[in-house]
Amino acid sequence: MDYARLTSQDFQKKHRAIEDTVYAILGSIRSQSVVRARMRLLSEQIASYLSYQEDGFYTHMNKSYAGNHQALKMLEFLSNDVKYIMSRYLKFFDRFSEDKDVAVWRNFPREFSTFSRELMARFQVEKDYLFPLMDQLHMTPPEQPPAAE
């Protein structure tokens, strides 16, 4: 993946798709058959979103902000936090995979609510801290007027 070309708009598209699916699941949380189908889609969406933030992405960002201590500390936090989200994603989807017993699914509404809140909180952190760093890298200098002769 060419991390230098990734923009905050790319992330925002992923966020919106995931948010739409989360809200659809929350709207049908008591219908196990509907939820299971939407969970497959959500799993694919989250996996695609997380692929943007593999180690190579943070390596690229760290190189771009070399010498900027404040930015590097924020990138370190974001990198560690996304690893936590990745871990939660893997555990959650393993727990509620399609072949699980109905008894396990009784806990789904509460656990999904917790998981989705954590995911939405991560999105907000990205909007507040990661996107400005990404946008700063993609800003182009304004065009200069022609020099007077």
Foldseek 3Di string as FASTA:
>chain_A
DPLLPDAVVNLVVLVVVLVVLLVVCLVVVPDVVVNLVSVVVNLVSVVVSLVSLDPVNLVVLCVVCPPPVVLNVLSVVLNVLSVVLVVLSVVVCVQPPPPDDVVSSVCVVVSSVVNVVSVVVSVVSCVVRVNVSRVVSVDDDDDDPDDDD
